[in-house]
């Protein structure tokens, strides 16, 4: 089974550094190349791939020798690339004129075939004809069932269509001074969310190179997630610095640490499933703790982006559990771990108290705010469990630390 473990330095595989060019030598002898010309070409900095291009073009020994000794300036024209046996005559057309030509419209003929296992380790474009000699690009994830969700194709188009710009789509000039306690609470909440968005985007960025190029549409969609999270981090930071406040205390890092320590893509996705479900519910109810129109608009934009992330999580898990039912019990381990860290973060005063102040309308009403926060936390957990059910997964008991957090 393909190795899906995350690696830090991505070391080259044994044998990668010094390929044996014996097959090239044999071909060269057929064309009359003198012994040693292959080594001379390599010593002059020509790659084995370039040498093979000359051999396939039928360059004879005399011309090869002249070229390498400087008597010829270029390898003769080679038009063999025009005769590769790829599917030809393709005419992709927009299925929806309003959306234009989408990547879904390109899923036609052999170009739409996404195999269950992609074995090519290079950056070959799916559907193109492979070169005989290419470098291993270090991919580690080759199984479609681990990463794929059919919804990633339309979700990519939605992400491009729904993109927003924090600098211009939010009315920064509309901000008015808030009471000190409310501004402090807003800025602490923005500090936490900016850090979480930045970290999660960086985390996805680290895993993107591990996924085989054969799953191009998925990689495109994950790229939009990374971009969305960067924009969220930017917007939250701007709000903290735009209304007479500033950044607050660093957010708890327990949840981030357990996500970073994920050793496989299914573990990472399960851990982020928990966070993304909880955050989608939180921002969907942003009107309850927003202090002005700008914040309401910000939470609405973020919730829309988070919904796409959650849709991917649900469909990916459903697809994986259907294809790999023996991995079902394993997911419970990851969910339990993530729920435990979520409960610990929620119990942190720097996480709970700012929201309680905002929900209550000030420090003086913090007890009422805590009651509202308990209701919101219960809703987050209920929606998370419902999202798991959509993914065909039943979580019979949540982690005790998370259960305690919603009862506090």
Protein backbone atom coordinates (compact mmCIF):
# COMPACT_ATOMS: atom_id res chain seq x y z
CA UNK A 1 0.00 0.00 0.00
CA UNK A 2 1.37 3.46 -0.83
CA UNK A 3 3.06 5.28 2.01
CA UNK A 4 0.90 8.18 3.21
CA UNK A 5 3.05 9.28 6.16
CA UNK A 6 4.03 12.92 6.36
CA UNK A 7 7.70 13.65 6.08
CA UNK A 8 9.49 16.79 7.10
CA UNK A 9 12.57 17.10 4.90
CA UNK A 10 11.28 14.97 1.99
CA UNK A 11 14.60 13.09 1.47
CA UNK A 12 15.42 11.70 -1.94
CA UNK A 13 14.86 8.00 -2.36
CA UNK A 14 17.85 5.64 -2.67
CA UNK A 15 19.07 5.35 -6.24
CA UNK A 16 17.64 8.70 -7.26
CA UNK A 17 20.99 10.49 -7.37
CA UNK A 18 22.84 8.18 -9.79
CA UNK A 19 20.67 6.49 -12.39
CA UNK A 20 22.36 3.75 -14.42
CA UNK A 21 22.42 4.98 -18.06
CA UNK A 22 23.14 1.50 -19.45
CA UNK A 23 19.93 1.46 -21.52
CA UNK A 24 20.98 4.76 -23.08
CA UNK A 25 24.42 3.31 -23.88
CA UNK A 26 22.84 0.36 -25.65
CA UNK A 27 20.69 2.65 -27.76
CA UNK A 28 23.72 4.88 -28.48
CA UNK A 29 25.73 1.92 -29.80
CA UNK A 30 22.91 1.13 -32.22
CA UNK A 31 23.32 4.64 -33.63
CA UNK A 32 27.09 4.40 -33.84
CA UNK A 33 28.01 6.49 -30.83
CA UNK A 34 31.56 5.95 -29.59
CA UNK A 35 32.02 4.56 -26.09
CA UNK A 36 32.33 7.37 -23.60
CA UNK A 37 30.06 9.87 -25.39
CA UNK A 38 27.26 9.33 -22.86
CA UNK A 39 29.68 10.08 -20.01
CA UNK A 40 31.02 13.11 -21.87
CA UNK A 41 27.49 14.45 -22.33
CA UNK A 42 26.72 13.95 -18.64
CA UNK A 43 29.99 15.62 -17.66
CA UNK A 44 29.06 18.64 -19.79
CA UNK A 45 25.85 19.02 -17.80
CA UNK A 46 23.34 17.41 -20.15
CA UNK A 47 20.66 15.41 -18.34
CA UNK A 48 19.85 11.82 -19.21
CA UNK A 49 16.46 13.05 -20.43
CA UNK A 50 18.13 15.37 -22.98
CA UNK A 51 20.39 12.54 -24.10
CA UNK A 52 17.34 10.35 -24.65
CA UNK A 53 15.75 13.08 -26.74
CA UNK A 54 18.76 12.98 -29.03
CA UNK A 55 18.68 9.18 -29.19
CA UNK A 56 14.98 9.08 -30.00
CA UNK A 57 15.59 11.67 -32.73
CA UNK A 58 18.11 9.30 -34.34
CA UNK A 59 21.20 11.48 -33.87
CA UNK A 60 24.09 9.40 -35.19
CA UNK A 61 27.47 9.04 -33.57
CA UNK A 62 29.26 11.57 -35.79
CA UNK A 63 26.74 14.35 -35.17
CA UNK A 64 26.67 13.59 -31.44
CA UNK A 65 30.45 13.80 -31.27
CA UNK A 66 30.53 17.09 -33.20
CA UNK A 67 27.87 18.57 -30.97
CA UNK A 68 29.63 17.58 -27.76
CA UNK A 69 32.99 18.84 -29.04
CA UNK A 70 31.45 22.18 -29.98
CA UNK A 71 31.36 21.72 -33.74
CA UNK A 72 27.55 21.76 -33.90
CA UNK A 73 25.34 24.30 -32.18
CA UNK A 74 22.08 22.42 -31.83
CA UNK A 75 20.50 19.00 -31.82
CA UNK A 76 18.54 18.45 -35.06
CA UNK A 77 14.81 19.12 -35.01
CA UNK A 78 12.72 16.46 -33.27
CA UNK A 79 8.98 16.47 -33.97
CA UNK A 80 8.23 13.14 -32.30
CA UNK A 81 6.22 14.98 -29.64
CA UNK A 82 3.55 15.62 -32.30
CA UNK A 83 2.79 11.91 -32.56
CA UNK A 84 2.07 10.96 -28.96
CA UNK A 85 -1.03 8.73 -28.58
CA UNK A 86 -3.13 11.06 -26.42
CA UNK A 87 -6.83 11.56 -27.04
CA UNK A 88 -7.18 14.23 -29.73
CA UNK A 89 -10.09 16.26 -31.10
CA UNK A 90 -11.35 17.38 -27.68
CA UNK A 91 -13.61 20.43 -27.65
CA UNK A 92 -14.61 21.37 -24.12
CA UNK A 93 -17.68 23.58 -23.94
CA UNK A 94 -19.27 25.46 -21.01
CA UNK A 95 -22.26 23.55 -19.62
CA UNK A 96 -23.43 26.71 -17.88
CA UNK A 97 -22.79 29.92 -19.83
CA UNK A 98 -23.15 31.95 -16.65
CA UNK A 99 -20.24 30.08 -15.02
CA UNK A 100 -18.12 29.89 -18.16
CA UNK A 101 -15.73 27.02 -18.91
CA UNK A 102 -15.29 25.24 -15.58
CA UNK A 103 -12.98 22.40 -14.57
CA UNK A 104 -16.06 20.16 -14.49
CA UNK A 105 -16.44 20.83 -18.22
CA UNK A 106 -12.93 19.44 -18.73
CA UNK A 107 -13.84 16.07 -17.19
CA UNK A 108 -14.51 14.53 -20.59
CA UNK A 109 -13.16 11.50 -22.40
CA UNK A 110 -10.04 9.97 -20.94
CA UNK A 111 -9.18 13.34 -19.40
CA UNK A 112 -12.01 12.92 -16.93
CA UNK A 113 -10.79 9.57 -15.62
CA UNK A 114 -9.51 9.92 -12.05
CA UNK A 115 -8.04 6.51 -11.14
CA UNK A 116 -8.41 4.92 -7.71
CA UNK A 117 -4.62 4.75 -7.47
CA UNK A 118 -2.29 7.15 -9.25
CA UNK A 119 1.12 5.52 -9.58
CA UNK A 120 3.11 8.14 -11.49
CA UNK A 121 5.46 9.95 -9.10
CA UNK A 122 6.22 12.86 -11.42
CA UNK A 123 4.25 16.04 -12.11
CA UNK A 124 2.74 14.64 -15.27
CA UNK A 125 -0.53 16.33 -16.25
CA UNK A 126 -3.27 13.69 -16.05
CA UNK A 127 -3.99 12.57 -19.61
CA UNK A 128 -0.64 13.52 -21.11
CA UNK A 129 1.78 10.92 -22.49
CA UNK A 130 4.56 10.03 -20.04
CA UNK A 131 8.21 10.72 -20.72
CA UNK A 132 10.36 7.59 -20.35
CA UNK A 133 12.71 9.22 -17.86
CA UNK A 134 11.47 11.71 -15.24
CA UNK A 135 12.41 12.64 -11.71
CA UNK A 136 10.52 11.40 -8.68
CA UNK A 137 8.85 14.51 -7.22
CA UNK A 138 8.44 13.03 -3.74
CA UNK A 139 4.68 12.54 -3.61
CA UNK A 140 3.47 10.20 -0.86
CA UNK A 141 -0.33 10.09 -1.31
CA UNK A 142 -1.51 8.04 -4.30
CA UNK A 143 -4.84 6.59 -3.12
CA UNK A 144 -7.91 8.48 -4.28
CA UNK A 145 -10.01 7.17 -1.38
CA UNK A 146 -7.86 9.01 1.17
CA UNK A 147 -8.29 12.50 -0.21
CA UNK A 148 -10.96 12.69 -2.90
CA UNK A 149 -14.48 14.14 -2.79
CA UNK A 150 -16.49 14.67 -5.96
CA UNK A 151 -17.73 17.98 -4.59
CA UNK A 152 -14.22 19.45 -4.83
CA UNK A 153 -14.87 20.12 -8.54
CA UNK A 154 -17.89 22.45 -8.15
CA UNK A 155 -16.58 23.81 -4.83
CA UNK A 156 -13.49 25.10 -6.61
CA UNK A 157 -15.65 27.12 -8.97
CA UNK A 158 -17.74 28.44 -6.07
CA UNK A 159 -14.61 29.50 -4.20
CA UNK A 160 -13.36 31.45 -7.22
CA UNK A 161 -16.78 33.01 -7.81
CA UNK A 162 -17.36 33.94 -4.15
CA UNK A 163 -13.95 35.43 -3.43
CA UNK A 164 -14.01 38.66 -1.41
CA UNK A 165 -11.48 41.32 -0.54
CA UNK A 166 -11.23 42.42 3.05
CA UNK A 167 -9.82 45.83 2.12
CA UNK A 168 -12.82 46.85 -0.02
CA UNK A 169 -15.72 44.50 0.72
CA UNK A 170 -15.77 45.51 4.38
CA UNK A 171 -16.63 49.11 5.24
CA UNK A 172 -13.78 50.02 7.57
CA UNK A 173 -14.89 53.65 7.71
CA UNK A 174 -18.12 52.57 9.38
CA UNK A 175 -16.40 51.53 12.62
CA UNK A 176 -17.27 53.57 15.68
CA UNK A 177 -15.67 53.48 19.14
CA UNK A 178 -16.87 50.72 21.48
CA UNK A 179 -16.82 50.60 25.27
CA UNK A 180 -13.42 49.49 26.53
CA UNK A 181 -14.54 46.04 27.70
CA UNK A 182 -16.27 45.25 24.41
CA UNK A 183 -13.32 46.42 22.29
CA UNK A 184 -11.00 44.30 24.44
CA UNK A 185 -13.24 41.26 23.94
CA UNK A 186 -13.50 41.82 20.19
CA UNK A 187 -9.74 42.20 19.82
CA UNK A 188 -9.04 39.06 21.87
CA UNK A 189 -11.48 37.06 19.73
CA UNK A 190 -9.91 38.46 16.54
CA UNK A 191 -6.43 37.62 17.78
CA UNK A 192 -7.42 34.00 18.39
CA UNK A 193 -9.19 33.59 15.07
CA UNK A 194 -6.41 35.25 13.08
CA UNK A 195 -3.86 32.87 14.58
CA UNK A 196 -6.02 29.79 14.01
CA UNK A 197 -6.76 30.70 10.40
CA UNK A 198 -3.10 31.39 9.63
CA UNK A 199 -1.93 28.16 11.23
CA UNK A 200 -4.53 25.99 9.52
CA UNK A 201 -3.72 27.50 6.13
CA UNK A 202 -0.03 26.82 6.68
CA UNK A 203 -0.89 23.27 7.73
CA UNK A 204 -2.84 22.58 4.52
CA UNK A 205 0.03 24.12 2.55
CA UNK A 206 2.44 21.60 4.02
CA UNK A 207 0.28 18.66 2.97
CA UNK A 208 -0.59 19.87 -0.52
CA UNK A 209 2.77 18.78 -2.03
CA UNK A 210 2.25 15.27 -0.67
CA UNK A 211 -0.85 14.66 -2.82
CA UNK A 212 -0.21 13.15 -6.23
CA UNK A 213 -0.64 15.40 -9.26
CA UNK A 214 -3.17 12.92 -10.62
CA UNK A 215 -5.78 14.43 -8.29
CA UNK A 216 -5.45 17.87 -9.84
CA UNK A 217 -9.01 19.08 -9.19
CA UNK A 218 -8.66 18.31 -5.49
CA UNK A 219 -5.35 20.14 -5.31
CA UNK A 220 -6.93 23.16 -6.97
CA UNK A 221 -9.75 23.19 -4.40
CA UNK A 222 -7.36 22.81 -1.46
CA UNK A 223 -5.46 25.78 -2.85
CA UNK A 224 -8.61 27.88 -2.49
CA UNK A 225 -8.93 26.76 1.14
CA UNK A 226 -5.38 27.93 1.79
CA UNK A 227 -6.13 31.26 0.15
CA UNK A 228 -9.40 31.65 2.05
CA UNK A 229 -7.69 31.00 5.38
CA UNK A 230 -4.98 33.53 4.58
CA UNK A 231 -7.69 36.12 3.85
CA UNK A 232 -9.46 35.25 7.11
CA UNK A 233 -6.26 35.70 9.07
CA UNK A 234 -5.72 39.06 7.37
CA UNK A 235 -9.27 40.29 7.98
CA UNK A 236 -9.34 39.30 11.66
CA UNK A 237 -6.01 41.02 12.22
CA UNK A 238 -7.26 44.16 10.49
CA UNK A 239 -10.32 44.32 12.73
CA UNK A 240 -8.16 44.04 15.84
CA UNK A 241 -6.07 47.00 14.71
CA UNK A 242 -8.75 49.21 13.15
CA UNK A 243 -10.85 50.56 15.99
CA UNK A 244 -8.57 51.85 18.70
CA UNK A 245 -7.72 48.45 20.15
CA UNK A 246 -4.89 46.05 19.37
CA UNK A 247 -3.91 42.42 19.50
CA UNK A 248 -4.62 40.42 22.65
CA UNK A 249 -3.19 37.32 24.30
CA UNK A 250 -1.89 34.49 22.13
CA UNK A 251 -4.50 31.80 21.51
CA UNK A 252 -4.14 28.35 23.11
CA UNK A 253 -2.02 26.01 20.99
CA UNK A 254 -3.13 22.54 22.13
CA UNK A 255 -5.48 22.01 19.22
CA UNK A 256 -2.99 23.37 16.71
CA UNK A 257 -0.31 21.07 18.05
CA UNK A 258 -2.39 17.91 17.71
CA UNK A 259 -3.28 18.91 14.13
CA UNK A 260 0.36 19.52 13.27
CA UNK A 261 1.33 16.14 14.71
CA UNK A 262 -1.05 14.26 12.37
CA UNK A 263 0.90 11.45 10.72
CA UNK A 264 -1.42 10.76 7.80
CA UNK A 265 -3.92 12.67 5.70
CA UNK A 266 -6.96 10.82 7.16
CA UNK A 267 -5.82 11.81 10.65
CA UNK A 268 -5.32 15.44 9.64
CA UNK A 269 -8.71 15.59 7.90
CA UNK A 270 -10.53 14.06 10.88
CA UNK A 271 -8.96 16.53 13.29
CA UNK A 272 -9.77 19.50 11.07
CA UNK A 273 -13.31 18.15 10.53
CA UNK A 274 -13.99 18.84 14.21
CA UNK A 275 -12.61 22.38 14.11
CA UNK A 276 -14.18 23.37 10.80
CA UNK A 277 -17.61 22.12 11.84
CA UNK A 278 -17.44 24.02 15.13
CA UNK A 279 -16.22 27.21 13.47
CA UNK A 280 -18.86 27.09 10.76
CA UNK A 281 -21.60 27.03 13.40
CA UNK A 282 -19.85 29.79 15.36
CA UNK A 283 -19.57 32.19 12.43
CA UNK A 284 -23.04 31.29 11.15
CA UNK A 285 -24.31 32.77 14.42
CA UNK A 286 -22.00 35.76 14.25
CA UNK A 287 -24.94 38.16 14.45
CA UNK A 288 -25.35 37.16 18.09
CA UNK A 289 -21.94 38.54 19.13
CA UNK A 290 -21.08 41.02 16.35
CA UNK A 291 -20.87 44.59 17.63
CA UNK A 292 -21.41 46.40 14.33
CA UNK A 293 -22.29 45.92 10.67
CA UNK A 294 -18.69 45.38 9.62
CA UNK A 295 -18.28 42.44 11.98
CA UNK A 296 -21.58 40.96 10.82
CA UNK A 297 -20.39 41.16 7.20
CA UNK A 298 -17.03 39.67 8.15
CA UNK A 299 -18.58 36.70 9.95
CA UNK A 300 -20.98 36.14 7.06
CA UNK A 301 -18.14 36.01 4.53
CA UNK A 302 -16.10 33.68 6.75
CA UNK A 303 -19.08 31.37 7.34
CA UNK A 304 -19.62 31.06 3.59
CA UNK A 305 -16.00 30.05 3.09
CA UNK A 306 -16.12 27.66 6.04
CA UNK A 307 -19.18 25.97 4.58
CA UNK A 308 -17.15 24.90 1.53
CA UNK A 309 -14.45 23.46 3.79
CA UNK A 310 -17.07 21.54 5.76
CA UNK A 311 -18.76 20.25 2.59
CA UNK A 312 -15.42 18.83 1.51
CA UNK A 313 -14.82 17.18 4.89
CA UNK A 314 -18.23 15.49 4.83
CA UNK A 315 -17.96 14.18 1.27
CA UNK A 316 -14.32 13.10 1.65
CA UNK A 317 -15.10 11.06 4.75
CA UNK A 318 -18.19 9.52 3.19
CA UNK A 319 -16.14 8.51 0.14
CA UNK A 320 -13.27 7.12 2.22
CA UNK A 321 -15.53 5.08 4.52
CA UNK A 322 -17.32 3.61 1.51
CA UNK A 323 -14.08 2.65 -0.21
CA UNK A 324 -12.13 1.70 2.92
CA UNK A 325 -14.66 0.47 5.51
CA UNK A 326 -11.89 -1.11 7.58
CA UNK A 327 -10.66 2.43 8.43
CA UNK A 328 -13.92 3.36 10.20
CA UNK A 329 -12.89 2.50 13.79
CA UNK A 330 -9.62 4.33 13.29
CA UNK A 331 -11.53 7.60 12.83
CA UNK A 332 -12.89 7.38 16.39
CA UNK A 333 -9.34 7.68 17.71
CA UNK A 334 -8.77 10.89 15.77
CA UNK A 335 -12.12 12.41 16.70
CA UNK A 336 -11.59 11.62 20.37
CA UNK A 337 -8.18 13.26 20.30
CA UNK A 338 -9.51 16.39 18.54
CA UNK A 339 -12.55 16.69 20.82
CA UNK A 340 -10.33 16.51 23.89
CA UNK A 341 -8.18 19.41 22.69
CA UNK A 342 -11.26 21.37 21.62
CA UNK A 343 -12.73 20.99 25.11
CA UNK A 344 -9.47 22.16 26.66
CA UNK A 345 -9.35 25.23 24.42
CA UNK A 346 -12.97 26.11 25.18
CA UNK A 347 -12.24 25.99 28.90
CA UNK A 348 -9.46 28.56 28.53
CA UNK A 349 -10.60 31.99 29.82
CA UNK A 350 -8.94 33.73 26.84
CA UNK A 351 -11.30 31.76 24.57
CA UNK A 352 -14.53 31.66 26.57
CA UNK A 353 -14.65 34.99 28.39
CA UNK A 354 -14.39 37.31 25.35
CA UNK A 355 -17.33 35.54 23.70
CA UNK A 356 -19.31 35.62 26.94
CA UNK A 357 -18.73 39.39 27.21
CA UNK A 358 -19.78 39.95 23.61
CA UNK A 359 -22.86 37.74 23.91
CA UNK A 360 -23.87 39.42 27.17
CA UNK A 361 -23.21 42.97 26.01
CA UNK A 362 -20.40 43.79 28.44
CA UNK A 363 -18.52 42.64 31.52
CA UNK A 364 -21.43 43.63 33.72
CA UNK A 365 -23.61 41.04 31.97
CA UNK A 366 -21.00 38.31 31.67
CA UNK A 367 -23.09 35.74 33.56
CA UNK A 368 -25.90 36.13 31.03
CA UNK A 369 -23.26 35.92 28.32
CA UNK A 370 -21.97 32.65 29.78
CA UNK A 371 -25.45 31.17 29.61
CA UNK A 372 -25.76 32.17 25.97
CA UNK A 373 -22.29 30.79 25.29
CA UNK A 374 -23.27 27.41 26.79
CA UNK A 375 -26.24 27.31 24.42
CA UNK A 376 -24.00 28.19 21.48
CA UNK A 377 -21.41 25.56 22.45
CA UNK A 378 -24.12 22.89 22.70
CA UNK A 379 -25.35 23.88 19.27
CA UNK A 380 -21.80 23.63 17.90
CA UNK A 381 -21.48 20.10 19.26
CA UNK A 382 -24.93 19.05 18.06
CA UNK A 383 -24.20 20.35 14.56
CA UNK A 384 -20.80 18.64 14.57
CA UNK A 385 -22.41 15.29 15.40
CA UNK A 386 -25.02 15.91 12.69
CA UNK A 387 -22.23 16.65 10.21
CA UNK A 388 -20.61 13.34 11.11
CA UNK A 389 -23.90 11.58 10.43
CA UNK A 390 -24.01 13.20 6.98
CA UNK A 391 -20.62 11.59 6.43
CA UNK A 392 -22.15 8.20 7.44
CA UNK A 393 -20.32 8.22 10.77
CA UNK A 394 -22.04 7.86 14.16
CA UNK A 395 -20.14 9.14 17.19
CA UNK A 396 -21.88 7.44 20.12
CA UNK A 397 -20.02 9.27 22.88
CA UNK A 398 -18.06 12.50 22.65
CA UNK A 399 -14.87 13.00 24.65
CA UNK A 400 -15.45 13.70 28.34
CA UNK A 401 -13.47 16.93 28.30
CA UNK A 402 -15.66 18.32 25.51
CA UNK A 403 -18.80 17.14 27.33
CA UNK A 404 -17.60 18.94 30.45
CA UNK A 405 -16.92 22.12 28.48
CA UNK A 406 -20.49 22.41 27.24
CA UNK A 407 -21.88 21.77 30.72
CA UNK A 408 -19.71 24.38 32.46
